[in-house]
């Protein structure tokens, strides 16, 4: 019984000591009046990771999110691994640098290009470099890629 009372008194004493150190209403980041000198060292509780900047071309008010999926892939990083004919037209299968595959339709957007057309030989992209649109053909056989 004496041990329980002593432990309870110790907890109350410790909690009152903490309450005296940080006044109620103190905001996070306020310097306590403890006289601590940081001597030029960084605050260990401040993040070292820079905040993300807004994605260019994103609608105003849209949350800045990293691009994912097909729109995150650059044209130089993809390879055409398959072509198929459907009732509505042609589809292509692209493989990204991480070996993940994507199904591609006409007018789909990549990071730096748009799909202009898909035929039985490959995919034609329109890539804008230096303000000028340029057609790039990626074929199923990589040796036959042509820039027009």
Protein backbone atom coordinates (compact mmCIF):
# COMPACT_ATOMS: atom_id res chain seq x y z
CA UNK A 1 0.00 0.00 0.00
CA UNK A 2 2.83 2.38 0.83
CA UNK A 3 4.54 1.63 -2.49
CA UNK A 4 1.43 2.53 -4.47
CA UNK A 5 0.99 5.83 -2.65
CA UNK A 6 4.66 6.71 -3.10
CA UNK A 7 4.49 5.93 -6.84
CA UNK A 8 1.35 8.06 -7.24
CA UNK A 9 3.01 10.96 -5.43
CA UNK A 10 6.09 10.61 -7.66
CA UNK A 11 3.96 10.74 -10.83
CA UNK A 12 2.12 13.85 -9.60
CA UNK A 13 5.40 15.54 -8.69
CA UNK A 14 6.92 14.73 -12.08
CA UNK A 15 3.88 15.94 -14.04
CA UNK A 16 3.76 19.20 -12.07
CA UNK A 17 7.46 19.75 -12.79
CA UNK A 18 6.83 19.39 -16.55
CA UNK A 19 3.84 21.73 -16.38
CA UNK A 20 6.03 24.38 -14.73
CA UNK A 21 8.71 24.13 -17.44
CA UNK A 22 6.40 24.82 -20.42
CA UNK A 23 3.74 27.45 -19.80
CA UNK A 24 0.22 26.79 -21.08
CA UNK A 25 -0.38 28.52 -24.42
CA UNK A 26 3.21 28.24 -25.62
CA UNK A 27 3.30 27.64 -29.38
CA UNK A 28 5.49 25.02 -31.01
CA UNK A 29 8.76 26.65 -32.04
CA UNK A 30 8.73 29.33 -29.34
CA UNK A 31 12.01 29.53 -27.50
CA UNK A 32 11.57 28.54 -23.87
CA UNK A 33 12.96 30.89 -21.27
CA UNK A 34 15.37 28.22 -20.10
CA UNK A 35 18.46 30.04 -21.29
CA UNK A 36 19.50 27.22 -23.64
CA UNK A 37 22.03 28.33 -26.25
CA UNK A 38 21.99 26.33 -29.50
CA UNK A 39 25.54 27.47 -30.38
CA UNK A 40 24.68 27.43 -34.09
CA UNK A 41 23.42 23.85 -34.13
CA UNK A 42 20.26 23.04 -36.08
CA UNK A 43 16.99 22.19 -34.37
CA UNK A 44 16.70 18.38 -34.46
CA UNK A 45 12.90 18.61 -34.68
CA UNK A 46 12.83 20.66 -37.90
CA UNK A 47 12.55 18.55 -41.06
CA UNK A 48 15.47 18.44 -43.47
CA UNK A 49 13.24 17.55 -46.41
CA UNK A 50 12.30 20.55 -48.55
CA UNK A 51 8.58 21.11 -49.14
CA UNK A 52 7.23 20.02 -52.52
CA UNK A 53 6.70 22.70 -55.14
CA UNK A 54 3.52 22.92 -57.17
CA UNK A 55 3.53 20.90 -60.38
CA UNK A 56 3.76 23.19 -63.40
CA UNK A 57 0.72 23.04 -65.61
CA UNK A 58 -1.50 21.91 -62.74
CA UNK A 59 -4.87 23.64 -62.39
CA UNK A 60 -4.99 26.52 -59.92
CA UNK A 61 -5.96 25.29 -56.49
CA UNK A 62 -5.07 21.69 -57.27
CA UNK A 63 -3.04 19.89 -54.65
CA UNK A 64 0.59 19.42 -55.63
CA UNK A 65 0.96 15.69 -56.12
CA UNK A 66 3.74 13.80 -57.82
CA UNK A 67 2.84 12.40 -61.19
CA UNK A 68 2.03 8.72 -61.29
CA UNK A 69 1.17 6.21 -63.96
CA UNK A 70 1.57 6.82 -67.65
CA UNK A 71 1.87 10.61 -67.28
CA UNK A 72 5.04 10.18 -65.20
CA UNK A 73 6.98 8.41 -67.98
CA UNK A 74 9.22 10.25 -70.41
CA UNK A 75 9.22 9.19 -74.04
CA UNK A 76 12.89 8.25 -73.94
CA UNK A 77 12.26 5.83 -71.05
CA UNK A 78 9.52 3.69 -72.61
CA UNK A 79 9.60 0.78 -75.04
CA UNK A 80 6.76 -0.68 -77.10
CA UNK A 81 6.38 -4.32 -76.07
CA UNK A 82 3.07 -5.21 -77.71
CA UNK A 83 0.41 -4.18 -80.22
CA UNK A 84 -3.13 -5.46 -80.48
CA UNK A 85 -6.19 -4.75 -82.58
CA UNK A 86 -9.55 -4.28 -80.88
CA UNK A 87 -13.02 -3.49 -82.20
CA UNK A 88 -12.44 0.24 -81.53
CA UNK A 89 -8.93 0.45 -82.99
CA UNK A 90 -5.40 -0.38 -81.98
CA UNK A 91 -3.87 -0.58 -78.50
CA UNK A 92 -0.20 -0.60 -77.58
CA UNK A 93 1.57 -1.97 -74.52
CA UNK A 94 4.42 0.17 -73.21
CA UNK A 95 7.02 -0.86 -70.69
CA UNK A 96 8.57 1.73 -68.36
CA UNK A 97 12.08 1.78 -66.94
CA UNK A 98 10.90 -0.13 -63.84
CA UNK A 99 9.56 -2.96 -66.07
CA UNK A 100 5.94 -1.97 -65.33
CA UNK A 101 3.59 -2.23 -68.32
CA UNK A 102 0.89 0.22 -69.42
CA UNK A 103 -1.91 -0.05 -72.00
CA UNK A 104 -1.81 2.89 -74.40
CA UNK A 105 -4.64 4.43 -76.45
CA UNK A 106 -4.61 7.21 -79.06
CA UNK A 107 -4.49 10.70 -77.43
CA UNK A 108 -3.00 9.36 -74.18
CA UNK A 109 -0.46 11.65 -72.52
CA UNK A 110 3.06 10.80 -71.43
CA UNK A 111 5.19 13.25 -69.47
CA UNK A 112 6.64 14.91 -72.57
CA UNK A 113 4.61 13.49 -75.49
CA UNK A 114 1.13 12.67 -76.77
CA UNK A 115 0.08 9.58 -78.73
CA UNK A 116 -0.84 10.58 -82.29
CA UNK A 117 -1.52 7.15 -83.71
CA UNK A 118 -1.06 3.40 -83.31
CA UNK A 119 -0.65 1.06 -86.28
CA UNK A 120 0.52 -2.51 -86.85
CA UNK A 121 4.20 -1.45 -86.85
CA UNK A 122 4.35 0.76 -83.77
CA UNK A 123 3.26 3.99 -82.08
CA UNK A 124 3.61 7.57 -83.35
CA UNK A 125 4.11 10.20 -80.64
CA UNK A 126 4.12 14.00 -80.91
CA UNK A 127 6.84 15.44 -78.71
CA UNK A 128 7.31 19.19 -78.28
CA UNK A 129 10.95 20.21 -77.99
CA UNK A 130 12.05 23.86 -78.04
CA UNK A 131 8.49 24.91 -78.87
CA UNK A 132 8.33 22.83 -82.07
CA UNK A 133 6.26 19.64 -82.32
CA UNK A 134 8.20 16.64 -83.54
CA UNK A 135 6.88 13.21 -84.49
CA UNK A 136 8.67 10.22 -83.00
CA UNK A 137 7.86 6.64 -84.02
CA UNK A 138 8.57 3.83 -81.57
CA UNK A 139 8.22 0.44 -83.16
CA UNK A 140 7.80 -3.00 -81.73
CA UNK A 141 11.32 -3.74 -82.93
CA UNK A 142 13.57 -1.13 -81.28
CA UNK A 143 16.18 -1.11 -84.11
CA UNK A 144 13.72 0.54 -86.51
CA UNK A 145 12.90 3.66 -84.41
CA UNK A 146 12.78 6.79 -86.56
CA UNK A 147 12.59 10.49 -85.76
CA UNK A 148 10.88 12.53 -88.53
